Amino acid sequence: MFAKVLDFTRSIFEDMAPGAFQRRFLEALLAVQNVERGSLWVKRGETIACIEAAGEQSERILGVEIPTGRASVVGWVIENARMTISEPLKDPRHYKDLEQGLAAKSTLILCYPLILRDGTVYGALELIDTSAQGSRLNLRKDFLEVLEHLVGIGSIALGQALAFEHKERECRGLKTALERFKGAPPIVGRSPAVQEAMKKVHSYARTDFPVLITGESGTGKELFAQAIHQSSPRRDKPFHVQNCSAIPETLLESELFGYKKGAFTGADRDKTGLFEAASGGTVFLDEIGDMAPSLQAKILRLIQNSEIKPLGGAAARTVDVRIISATNKNLQQAMAESEFREDLFYRLNVLPLHLPPLRERREDLGELLDYFLKADCRRMGIPAKRLAASARELLLDYCWPGNIREMENVVKYILTVVEGEVVEATDLPAHVSAASPETQMPRDAETPDLAACTWEEMERAYAASLLERHRWNVSKAAKQAGLNRSTFDSRLKKLGISKI
């Protein structure tokens, strides 16, 4: 249980971008409860919309909107501001239409309200058991109390992230959006890797060719994209950002290309897309590797012809934008698996820029920690704080799997909870202080001698690696292995691999 709680806290500190955060928030709680289906719901006016879903056929649930007037478990929880346990077959609150066409039906639902710090209920979280007897959910009172606290922490963070994203979208295209990017982006570091990356930034800024930035999540890809824009002749024009994995395909297309009135239900006015709004400037497409193939074709057309066509529109429009894209995925592998277009890759990868993870630029850790401490103290209007030697040692030894973004969020946590001038080792988040150098697994560890392993040992190691990569989502692991779920599950049993 302690390890699962550490994993949950780590998921909060690694990424605060709404799209990535809500996925990690949901997946972490699914792991704690050892179930594979769940969903996050947010109240929007007269409807309750699903903003995140996990499990088999989750794409059928993501984006669904339930009218507030219809009976539903999430609606009841939002209205009553308290947790409930539902047996769908017996519960009149269950919104049965939602599961039509799903292969596996819900047998037991655990639903918590999402509550802001001021007590406002803005949504609900569902953890769903689909086993025959509904026996996987842990409903012990003490366990549910711990889970309620975890949901409370995550719901406040998610609410703040969603509110921030909403405000940021309201400001798009306004003068304040330009002010955000004036001056040099705060890129900190003197390591050879950072210096080499900055040389490329200044070189790439002189052209309008597409740039593809690669690197792990949290390495600062957006900051480097800003730096290229700010160093280019386009610096006085808009710089717009879109995370390609944060919203469903249809919504992403309308965000990027816009739409005409009447293009679909609810399109009661024309909407200008991101590419058109950024005319003369730069569009940064983050997580481009998660873009659907059908939308990839439209991006390719834009790059080739500088044209866009809004949804429901008959005529194409010419736009003048520079595209900088980024991904933490291996696009070579994605192309081999027919998940990413080869022709688009070569169009985007004209000017490649790879950003190293923090574990490969450890000489920058101290400078980055000091920068965030000073900058956030100034921003919060509080006296400067310093790290005790023991705290600094732990932070410098930590592997930072979430990279710079995780460090920035950890510093914010420290400044929030520490009242004194000195930050001690005991003040650090549990997942940092518990991760001593001896317990951390280096990502660049030497490849094992496969010839020294038996076939069963290699298969066991491969299966365990897949499950870890997909946070023990058996369906996703089976898909990557090229097997159907039942075959993969059978192999796990024969190998004696079990999460419990």
Protein backbone atom coordinates (compact mmCIF):
# COMPACT_ATOMS: atom_id res chain seq x y z
CA MET A 1 0.00 0.00 0.00
CA PHE A 2 2.84 2.42 0.88
CA ALA A 3 4.44 1.88 -2.53
CA LYS A 4 1.14 2.61 -4.27
CA VAL A 5 0.71 5.85 -2.30
CA LEU A 6 4.25 6.88 -3.32
CA ASP A 7 3.37 6.17 -6.95
CA PHE A 8 0.26 8.30 -6.59
CA THR A 9 2.12 11.29 -5.13
CA ARG A 10 4.77 10.97 -7.82
CA SER A 11 2.04 11.08 -10.50
CA ILE A 12 0.88 14.44 -9.11
CA PHE A 13 4.30 16.05 -9.01
CA GLU A 14 5.51 14.82 -12.42
CA ASP A 15 3.07 16.72 -14.61
CA MET A 16 0.57 19.51 -14.00
CA ALA A 17 -0.61 19.92 -17.62
CA PRO A 18 -4.36 19.04 -17.46
CA GLY A 19 -4.33 16.37 -20.18
CA ALA A 20 -1.36 14.45 -18.82
CA PHE A 21 -2.28 15.09 -15.18
CA GLN A 22 -5.84 13.78 -15.44
CA ARG A 23 -4.61 10.57 -17.11
CA ARG A 24 -1.98 9.99 -14.41
CA PHE A 25 -4.46 10.88 -11.66
CA LEU A 26 -6.99 8.32 -12.94
CA GLU A 27 -4.43 5.60 -13.71
CA ALA A 28 -2.80 5.97 -10.29
CA LEU A 29 -6.13 5.48 -8.49
CA LEU A 30 -6.99 2.52 -10.72
CA ALA A 31 -3.67 0.97 -9.73
CA VAL A 32 -4.36 1.58 -6.04
CA GLN A 33 -7.75 -0.17 -6.35
CA ASN A 34 -6.41 -2.83 -8.78
CA VAL A 35 -9.15 -2.27 -11.40
CA GLU A 36 -8.75 -1.30 -15.05
CA ARG A 37 -11.82 0.78 -15.86
CA GLY A 38 -12.51 4.28 -14.64
CA SER A 39 -13.49 7.76 -15.73
CA LEU A 40 -13.30 11.45 -14.77
CA TRP A 41 -16.37 13.68 -15.19
CA VAL A 42 -16.72 17.47 -15.04
CA LYS A 43 -19.94 19.47 -14.82
CA ARG A 44 -20.35 21.91 -17.71
CA GLY A 45 -23.55 23.92 -17.56
CA GLU A 46 -26.47 21.57 -18.04
CA THR A 47 -24.34 18.52 -18.82
CA ILE A 48 -21.72 16.34 -17.14
CA ALA A 49 -18.88 15.53 -19.57
CA CYS A 50 -16.36 12.68 -19.48
CA ILE A 51 -12.91 14.28 -19.81
CA GLU A 52 -10.85 11.12 -19.23
CA ALA A 53 -11.52 7.38 -19.43
CA ALA A 54 -9.41 4.26 -19.00
CA GLY A 55 -10.00 0.61 -19.79
CA GLU A 56 -11.14 -1.41 -22.78
CA GLN A 57 -13.33 0.56 -25.24
CA SER A 58 -12.70 3.72 -23.22
CA GLU A 59 -12.87 5.71 -26.47
CA ARG A 60 -16.65 5.04 -26.44
CA ILE A 61 -16.95 6.85 -23.10
CA LEU A 62 -14.47 9.71 -23.53
CA GLY A 63 -16.30 12.90 -24.51
CA VAL A 64 -19.79 11.57 -23.63
CA GLU A 65 -22.08 14.16 -22.06
CA ILE A 66 -24.89 13.23 -19.65
CA PRO A 67 -27.71 15.78 -19.19
CA THR A 68 -27.95 16.88 -15.56
CA GLY A 69 -31.64 16.01 -15.65
CA ARG A 70 -30.94 12.32 -16.36
CA ALA A 71 -30.31 9.91 -13.51
CA SER A 72 -26.65 8.91 -13.20
CA VAL A 73 -24.24 7.87 -10.48
CA VAL A 74 -21.87 10.76 -11.27
CA GLY A 75 -24.78 13.22 -11.24
CA TRP A 76 -25.92 11.97 -7.82
CA VAL A 77 -22.40 12.24 -6.39
CA ILE A 78 -21.94 15.79 -7.72
CA GLU A 79 -25.33 16.88 -6.38
CA ASN A 80 -24.86 15.27 -2.94
CA ALA A 81 -21.11 15.97 -2.62
CA ARG A 82 -20.33 12.54 -1.18
CA MET A 83 -18.96 9.17 -2.15
CA THR A 84 -21.21 6.30 -3.13
CA ILE A 85 -20.93 2.60 -3.98
CA SER A 86 -23.26 1.43 -6.72
CA GLU A 87 -24.35 -1.99 -7.98
CA PRO A 88 -25.42 -1.06 -11.54
CA LEU A 89 -27.85 -3.96 -11.99
CA LYS A 90 -29.81 -2.88 -8.90
CA ASP A 91 -29.17 0.89 -8.82
CA PRO A 92 -31.75 3.14 -10.56
CA ARG A 93 -29.13 5.92 -10.61
CA HIS A 94 -26.98 3.96 -13.11
CA TYR A 95 -26.96 5.55 -16.60
CA LYS A 96 -27.39 2.31 -18.56
CA ASP A 97 -27.18 3.96 -22.00
CA LEU A 98 -23.50 4.63 -21.37
CA GLU A 99 -22.55 0.93 -21.45
CA GLN A 100 -24.47 -0.07 -24.55
CA GLY A 101 -22.04 -1.75 -26.93
CA LEU A 102 -19.37 -2.32 -24.28
CA ALA A 103 -18.08 -5.88 -24.11
CA ALA A 104 -17.55 -5.80 -20.33
CA LYS A 105 -20.28 -4.32 -18.13
CA SER A 106 -19.85 -2.70 -14.73
CA THR A 107 -20.60 -4.94 -11.75
CA LEU A 108 -19.59 -2.48 -9.02
CA ILE A 109 -18.88 1.28 -9.13
CA LEU A 110 -17.02 3.36 -6.55
CA CYS A 111 -17.63 7.06 -7.18
CA TYR A 112 -16.09 10.08 -5.42
CA PRO A 113 -16.88 13.79 -5.83
CA LEU A 114 -14.17 16.13 -7.15
CA ILE A 115 -14.10 19.08 -4.76
CA LEU A 116 -12.18 22.36 -4.85
CA ARG A 117 -10.51 23.87 -1.79
CA ASP A 118 -13.54 26.16 -1.20
CA GLY A 119 -15.91 23.18 -1.13
CA THR A 120 -17.27 23.57 -4.67
CA VAL A 121 -18.06 20.21 -6.31
CA TYR A 122 -17.06 20.40 -9.98
CA GLY A 123 -17.04 16.76 -11.04
CA ALA A 124 -16.81 13.09 -10.12
CA LEU A 125 -14.40 10.16 -10.34
CA GLU A 126 -15.58 6.62 -11.09
CA LEU A 127 -13.53 3.48 -10.34
CA ILE A 128 -15.26 0.51 -11.94
CA ASP A 129 -15.04 -3.21 -11.27
CA THR A 130 -15.99 -5.39 -14.26
CA SER A 131 -15.18 -8.77 -12.71
CA ALA A 132 -18.00 -11.31 -12.53
CA GLN A 133 -18.69 -10.91 -8.81
CA GLY A 134 -17.43 -7.35 -8.40
CA SER A 135 -14.70 -8.72 -6.16
CA ARG A 136 -11.67 -6.62 -7.19
CA LEU A 137 -12.61 -3.31 -5.54
CA ASN A 138 -11.28 -3.02 -1.99
CA LEU A 139 -14.17 -1.67 0.10
CA ARG A 140 -12.59 -1.91 3.58
CA LYS A 141 -13.46 1.19 5.58
CA ASP A 142 -9.86 2.12 6.43
CA PHE A 143 -8.76 1.65 2.81
CA LEU A 144 -11.63 3.82 1.51
CA GLU A 145 -10.73 6.57 3.98
CA VAL A 146 -7.14 6.65 2.66
CA LEU A 147 -8.45 6.62 -0.90
CA GLU A 148 -10.79 9.53 -0.12
CA HIS A 149 -7.83 11.63 1.04
CA LEU A 150 -5.90 10.79 -2.15
CA VAL A 151 -8.88 11.75 -4.30
CA GLY A 152 -9.21 14.99 -2.33
CA ILE A 153 -5.59 15.96 -2.99
CA GLY A 154 -5.82 15.10 -6.67
CA SER A 155 -9.18 16.79 -7.22
CA ILE A 156 -7.87 20.14 -5.91
CA ALA A 157 -4.80 19.92 -8.15
CA LEU A 158 -6.87 18.88 -11.17
CA GLY A 159 -9.41 21.64 -10.57
CA GLN A 160 -6.66 24.24 -10.46
CA ALA A 161 -5.04 22.85 -13.61
CA LEU A 162 -8.35 22.89 -15.52
CA ALA A 163 -9.12 26.42 -14.33
CA PHE A 164 -5.70 27.61 -15.43
CA GLU A 165 -6.13 26.00 -18.84
CA HIS A 166 -9.53 27.68 -19.23
CA LYS A 167 -8.08 31.10 -18.44
CA GLU A 168 -5.17 30.49 -20.78
CA ARG A 169 -7.55 29.70 -23.63
CA GLU A 170 -9.54 32.88 -22.94
CA CYS A 171 -6.35 34.89 -23.38
CA ARG A 172 -5.39 33.30 -26.69
CA GLY A 173 -4.94 35.87 -29.41
CA LEU A 174 -4.98 38.81 -26.97
CA LYS A 175 -2.11 41.14 -26.24
CA THR A 176 -1.53 39.51 -22.86
CA ALA A 177 -0.72 36.26 -24.69
CA LEU A 178 2.11 38.06 -26.46
CA GLU A 179 3.43 39.53 -23.22
CA ARG A 180 3.82 36.02 -21.81
CA PHE A 181 6.55 35.28 -24.30
CA LYS A 182 8.50 38.55 -24.27
CA GLY A 183 12.13 38.26 -23.20
CA ALA A 184 14.31 35.18 -23.14
CA PRO A 185 12.62 32.00 -21.83
CA PRO A 186 14.07 30.86 -18.49
CA ILE A 187 16.32 28.08 -19.76
CA VAL A 188 18.77 27.26 -16.97
CA GLY A 189 21.86 25.10 -17.29
CA ARG A 190 25.51 25.16 -18.28
CA SER A 191 25.98 21.52 -19.16
CA PRO A 192 27.40 20.73 -22.62
CA ALA A 193 24.03 19.23 -23.66
CA VAL A 194 22.13 22.44 -22.85
CA GLN A 195 24.75 24.64 -24.49
CA GLU A 196 24.60 22.54 -27.66
CA ALA A 197 20.78 22.75 -27.67
CA MET A 198 20.93 26.55 -27.32
CA LYS A 199 23.31 26.77 -30.30
CA LYS A 200 20.71 24.96 -32.38
CA VAL A 201 17.97 27.27 -31.07
CA HIS A 202 19.76 30.36 -32.38
CA SER A 203 20.61 28.64 -35.66
CA TYR A 204 17.08 27.33 -36.23
CA ALA A 205 15.54 30.73 -35.41
CA ARG A 206 17.01 32.21 -38.60
CA THR A 207 14.78 30.02 -40.80
CA ASP A 208 11.08 29.14 -41.12
CA PHE A 209 11.62 25.40 -41.51
CA PRO A 210 9.69 23.01 -39.21
CA VAL A 211 11.44 21.94 -35.99
CA LEU A 212 10.88 18.60 -34.22
CA ILE A 213 11.85 18.62 -30.54
CA THR A 214 12.27 15.20 -28.92
CA GLY A 215 12.87 14.22 -25.32
CA GLU A 216 11.19 12.75 -22.27
CA SER A 217 8.19 14.40 -20.66
CA GLY A 218 9.15 17.41 -18.56
CA THR A 219 12.49 18.20 -20.24
CA GLY A 220 11.40 21.70 -21.27
CA LYS A 221 10.36 21.19 -24.88
CA GLU A 222 7.89 24.09 -24.79
CA LEU A 223 10.53 26.43 -23.34
CA PHE A 224 12.90 25.65 -26.20
CA ALA A 225 10.07 26.15 -28.70
CA GLN A 226 9.43 29.58 -27.13
CA ALA A 227 13.13 30.36 -27.35
CA ILE A 228 13.17 29.59 -31.09
CA HIS A 229 10.10 31.78 -31.63
CA GLN A 230 11.48 34.66 -29.55
CA SER A 231 14.79 34.58 -31.41
CA SER A 232 13.10 34.55 -34.83
CA PRO A 233 11.71 37.37 -37.02
CA ARG A 234 8.25 36.15 -35.94
CA ARG A 235 8.84 37.22 -32.33
CA ASP A 236 6.19 39.99 -32.46
CA LYS A 237 3.52 37.64 -33.80
CA PRO A 238 1.49 35.04 -31.86
CA PHE A 239 2.98 31.91 -30.32
CA HIS A 240 0.17 29.39 -29.79
CA VAL A 241 0.40 26.00 -28.08
CA GLN A 242 -1.74 22.91 -28.53
CA ASN A 243 -1.27 19.59 -26.72
CA CYS A 244 -2.31 16.93 -29.24
CA SER A 245 -3.00 14.31 -26.56
CA ALA A 246 -5.13 16.48 -24.27
CA ILE A 247 -8.43 16.32 -26.20
CA PRO A 248 -10.24 13.83 -28.48
CA GLU A 249 -9.52 13.77 -32.23
CA THR A 250 -12.68 15.60 -33.35
CA LEU A 251 -12.21 18.39 -30.83
CA LEU A 252 -8.53 18.68 -31.71
CA GLU A 253 -9.38 19.13 -35.39
CA SER A 254 -11.81 21.95 -34.64
CA GLU A 255 -9.28 23.59 -32.28
CA LEU A 256 -6.56 23.56 -34.95
CA PHE A 257 -8.56 24.26 -38.10
CA GLY A 258 -11.71 25.95 -36.78
CA TYR A 259 -15.24 25.33 -38.04
CA LYS A 260 -18.16 26.97 -39.80
CA LYS A 261 -21.53 27.58 -38.25
CA GLY A 262 -23.70 24.46 -38.59
CA ALA A 263 -20.74 22.11 -39.18
CA PHE A 264 -21.99 19.89 -36.33
CA THR A 265 -24.47 19.91 -33.48
CA GLY A 266 -23.67 22.83 -31.19
CA ALA A 267 -21.70 24.79 -33.81
CA ASP A 268 -23.86 27.91 -33.53
CA ARG A 269 -21.17 30.29 -34.80
CA ASP A 270 -17.98 30.31 -36.84
CA LYS A 271 -14.80 29.59 -34.90
CA THR A 272 -11.27 30.59 -35.90
CA GLY A 273 -8.79 27.75 -35.59
CA LEU A 274 -5.37 27.91 -33.98
CA PHE A 275 -3.45 27.99 -37.27
CA GLU A 276 -5.44 30.92 -38.57
CA ALA A 277 -5.25 32.77 -35.25
CA ALA A 278 -1.46 32.40 -35.27
CA SER A 279 -1.05 33.91 -38.74
CA GLY A 280 2.46 35.31 -39.10
CA GLY A 281 3.59 33.54 -35.94
CA THR A 282 4.36 30.08 -34.62
CA VAL A 283 2.22 27.08 -33.61
CA PHE A 284 3.74 24.60 -31.17
CA LEU A 285 2.17 21.14 -31.44
CA ASP A 286 3.08 19.22 -28.30
CA GLU A 287 2.77 15.41 -28.12
CA ILE A 288 2.50 15.20 -31.93
CA GLY A 289 3.06 11.44 -31.67
CA ASP A 290 -0.43 11.04 -30.18
CA MET A 291 -2.19 12.67 -33.13
CA ALA A 292 -4.67 10.45 -35.00
CA PRO A 293 -3.60 9.35 -38.53
CA SER A 294 -6.56 11.11 -40.19
CA LEU A 295 -5.52 14.41 -38.63
CA GLN A 296 -1.87 13.79 -39.53
CA ALA A 297 -2.90 13.91 -43.19
CA LYS A 298 -4.36 17.40 -42.72
CA ILE A 299 -1.20 18.63 -41.00
CA LEU A 300 0.80 17.29 -43.93
CA ARG A 301 -1.40 19.25 -46.36
CA LEU A 302 -0.90 22.40 -44.29
CA ILE A 303 2.88 22.05 -44.39
CA GLN A 304 2.91 21.31 -48.12
CA ASN A 305 0.42 23.95 -49.32
CA SER A 306 0.10 26.43 -46.39
CA GLU A 307 -3.66 25.85 -46.57
CA ILE A 308 -6.34 24.99 -44.06
CA LYS A 309 -10.00 24.12 -44.45
CA PRO A 310 -12.30 24.67 -41.44
CA LEU A 311 -14.75 21.91 -40.56
CA GLY A 312 -17.88 22.42 -42.64
CA GLY A 313 -16.12 24.91 -44.90
CA ALA A 314 -16.00 24.61 -48.68
CA ALA A 315 -13.02 26.84 -49.43
CA ALA A 316 -9.42 26.49 -48.28
CA ARG A 317 -7.64 29.42 -46.63
CA THR A 318 -3.99 30.31 -46.90
CA VAL A 319 -2.11 30.74 -43.62
CA ASP A 320 1.43 31.79 -42.78
CA VAL A 321 2.60 29.87 -39.72
CA ARG A 322 5.76 28.13 -38.61
CA ILE A 323 5.24 24.71 -37.04
CA ILE A 324 7.35 23.50 -34.14
CA SER A 325 6.33 20.08 -32.89
CA ALA A 326 7.44 17.92 -29.98
CA THR A 327 7.07 14.37 -28.76
CA ASN A 328 8.34 12.05 -26.04
CA LYS A 329 7.57 9.02 -28.21
CA ASN A 330 9.83 7.05 -30.52
CA LEU A 331 8.40 8.11 -33.88
CA GLN A 332 10.62 5.65 -35.74
CA GLN A 333 8.89 2.83 -33.88
CA ALA A 334 5.50 4.48 -34.39
CA MET A 335 6.13 4.57 -38.15
CA ALA A 336 7.14 0.90 -38.14
CA GLU A 337 3.84 0.11 -36.40
CA SER A 338 1.88 2.28 -38.88
CA GLU A 339 0.80 4.67 -36.10
CA PHE A 340 2.61 7.71 -37.55
CA ARG A 341 2.89 8.78 -41.17
CA GLU A 342 6.39 8.52 -42.58
CA ASP A 343 5.87 11.42 -45.00
CA LEU A 344 4.72 13.68 -42.15
CA PHE A 345 7.70 12.69 -39.99
CA TYR A 346 10.17 13.82 -42.66
CA ARG A 347 8.24 17.07 -43.13
CA LEU A 348 8.33 17.82 -39.40
CA ASN A 349 11.88 16.63 -38.76
CA VAL A 350 13.63 19.11 -41.04
CA LEU A 351 15.41 20.64 -38.03
CA PRO A 352 15.72 18.07 -35.18
CA LEU A 353 16.40 19.12 -31.59
CA HIS A 354 16.84 16.49 -28.86
CA LEU A 355 16.64 17.50 -25.20
CA PRO A 356 18.41 15.25 -22.67
CA PRO A 357 16.70 14.14 -19.43
CA LEU A 358 17.94 15.54 -16.12
CA ARG A 359 19.75 12.31 -15.28
CA GLU A 360 22.07 13.01 -18.23
CA ARG A 361 22.79 16.60 -17.17
CA ARG A 362 23.21 16.20 -13.42
CA GLU A 363 25.68 19.11 -13.30
CA ASP A 364 22.65 21.39 -13.86
CA LEU A 365 20.60 20.08 -10.90
CA GLY A 366 21.97 22.48 -8.27
CA GLU A 367 21.57 25.53 -10.49
CA LEU A 368 18.02 24.54 -11.44
CA LEU A 369 17.01 23.98 -7.80
CA ASP A 370 18.40 27.37 -6.77
CA TYR A 371 16.69 29.07 -9.71
CA PHE A 372 13.24 27.66 -8.91
CA LEU A 373 13.63 28.40 -5.19
CA LYS A 374 14.53 32.06 -5.82
CA ALA A 375 12.04 32.63 -8.63
CA ASP A 376 9.08 31.12 -6.76
CA CYS A 377 9.92 32.90 -3.51
CA ARG A 378 9.86 36.20 -5.43
CA ARG A 379 6.64 35.29 -7.18
CA MET A 380 4.95 34.29 -3.90
CA GLY A 381 6.30 37.34 -2.05
CA ILE A 382 7.89 35.30 0.74
CA PRO A 383 11.39 35.45 2.30
CA ALA A 384 14.08 33.44 0.55
CA LYS A 385 14.54 29.84 1.69
CA ARG A 386 17.62 27.67 1.51
CA LEU A 387 18.20 23.95 1.42
CA ALA A 388 19.88 22.19 4.33
CA ALA A 389 22.84 20.05 3.27
CA SER A 390 20.88 16.84 3.87
CA ALA A 391 17.91 18.04 1.79
CA ARG A 392 20.14 19.23 -1.05
CA GLU A 393 21.95 15.88 -1.08
CA LEU A 394 18.67 13.97 -1.39
CA LEU A 395 17.46 16.25 -4.18
CA LEU A 396 20.74 15.97 -6.07
CA ASP A 397 20.74 12.16 -5.71
CA TYR A 398 17.10 11.80 -6.81
CA CYS A 399 16.68 10.48 -10.38
CA TRP A 400 13.90 13.01 -11.37
CA PRO A 401 11.85 10.74 -13.65
CA GLY A 402 9.53 13.70 -14.30
CA ASN A 403 12.54 15.87 -15.20
CA ILE A 404 12.36 19.69 -14.91
CA ARG A 405 8.57 19.78 -14.60
CA GLU A 406 8.71 17.46 -11.59
CA MET A 407 11.46 19.55 -9.99
CA GLU A 408 9.47 22.75 -10.45
CA ASN A 409 6.39 21.18 -8.81
CA VAL A 410 8.43 19.74 -5.94
CA VAL A 411 9.87 23.21 -5.23
CA LYS A 412 6.34 24.67 -5.20
CA TYR A 413 5.35 21.98 -2.69
CA ILE A 414 8.35 22.77 -0.49
CA LEU A 415 7.63 26.51 -0.45
CA THR A 416 4.00 25.81 0.43
CA VAL A 417 4.56 23.48 3.38
CA VAL A 418 7.83 24.80 4.89
CA GLU A 419 7.33 27.76 7.20
CA GLY A 420 10.93 28.31 8.30
CA GLU A 421 13.90 29.64 6.39
CA VAL A 422 15.69 26.28 6.05
CA VAL A 423 14.30 23.30 4.12
CA GLU A 424 15.21 20.07 5.91
CA ALA A 425 15.30 16.55 4.46
CA THR A 426 12.12 15.72 6.40
CA ASP A 427 10.29 18.50 4.54
CA LEU A 428 10.70 16.84 1.15
CA PRO A 429 7.82 14.93 -0.51
CA ALA A 430 7.66 11.26 0.51
CA HIS A 431 8.45 9.92 -2.95
CA VAL A 432 11.68 11.96 -3.05
CA SER A 433 12.93 11.27 0.46
CA ALA A 434 12.08 7.56 0.17
CA ALA A 435 14.03 7.16 -3.08
CA SER A 436 17.61 6.74 -1.91
CA PRO A 437 20.31 6.21 -4.54
CA GLU A 438 20.45 2.53 -3.63
CA THR A 439 16.77 2.03 -4.46
CA GLN A 440 16.72 3.96 -7.72
CA MET A 441 17.00 2.05 -10.97
CA PRO A 442 19.22 3.89 -13.46
CA ARG A 443 17.59 4.10 -16.88
CA ASP A 444 20.91 3.72 -18.64
CA ALA A 445 21.79 0.48 -16.82
CA GLU A 446 23.98 -1.97 -18.71
CA THR A 447 22.05 -4.33 -20.96
CA PRO A 448 21.90 -7.82 -19.40
CA ASP A 449 23.64 -10.80 -21.03
CA LEU A 450 20.68 -12.46 -22.78
CA ALA A 451 22.71 -15.59 -23.50
CA ALA A 452 22.93 -16.21 -19.75
CA CYS A 453 19.11 -16.29 -19.43
CA THR A 454 16.68 -19.12 -20.06
CA TRP A 455 13.85 -18.57 -22.53
CA GLU A 456 11.34 -18.45 -19.68
CA GLU A 457 13.44 -15.86 -17.81
CA MET A 458 13.58 -13.62 -20.88
CA GLU A 459 9.84 -13.97 -21.46
CA ARG A 460 9.14 -13.17 -17.81
CA ALA A 461 11.39 -10.09 -17.93
CA TYR A 462 9.76 -8.93 -21.18
CA ALA A 463 6.22 -9.33 -19.84
CA ALA A 464 7.10 -7.56 -16.58
CA SER A 465 8.69 -4.68 -18.51
CA LEU A 466 5.58 -4.26 -20.67
CA LEU A 467 3.31 -4.22 -17.62
CA GLU A 468 5.47 -1.63 -15.86
CA ARG A 469 5.53 0.58 -18.96
CA HIS A 470 1.73 0.50 -19.18
CA ARG A 471 1.18 0.81 -15.39
CA TRP A 472 -0.14 -2.77 -15.25
CA ASN A 473 -2.83 -2.15 -17.85
CA VAL A 474 -2.97 -5.70 -19.21
CA SER A 475 -4.93 -4.73 -22.35
CA LYS A 476 -2.36 -2.12 -23.43
CA ALA A 477 0.55 -4.45 -22.64
CA ALA A 478 -1.05 -7.24 -24.68
CA LYS A 479 -1.59 -4.88 -27.63
CA GLN A 480 2.07 -3.84 -27.67
CA ALA A 481 3.12 -7.51 -27.45
CA GLY A 482 0.98 -8.25 -30.50
CA LEU A 483 -1.25 -10.70 -28.60
CA ASN A 484 -4.92 -10.71 -27.74
CA ARG A 485 -5.81 -10.07 -24.10
CA SER A 486 -6.72 -13.67 -23.21
CA THR A 487 -3.51 -15.13 -24.68
CA PHE A 488 -1.36 -12.58 -22.87
CA ASP A 489 -3.26 -13.17 -19.62
CA SER A 490 -2.70 -16.91 -19.98
CA ARG A 491 1.05 -16.39 -20.45
CA LEU A 492 1.19 -14.24 -17.31
CA LYS A 493 -0.41 -17.01 -15.26
CA LYS A 494 2.03 -19.61 -16.61
CA LEU A 495 4.96 -17.31 -15.80
CA GLY A 496 3.59 -16.69 -12.31
CA ILE A 497 3.32 -12.91 -12.84
CA SER A 498 0.69 -11.20 -10.72
CA LYS A 499 0.30 -7.66 -9.45
CA ILE A 500 -1.02 -8.82 -6.09
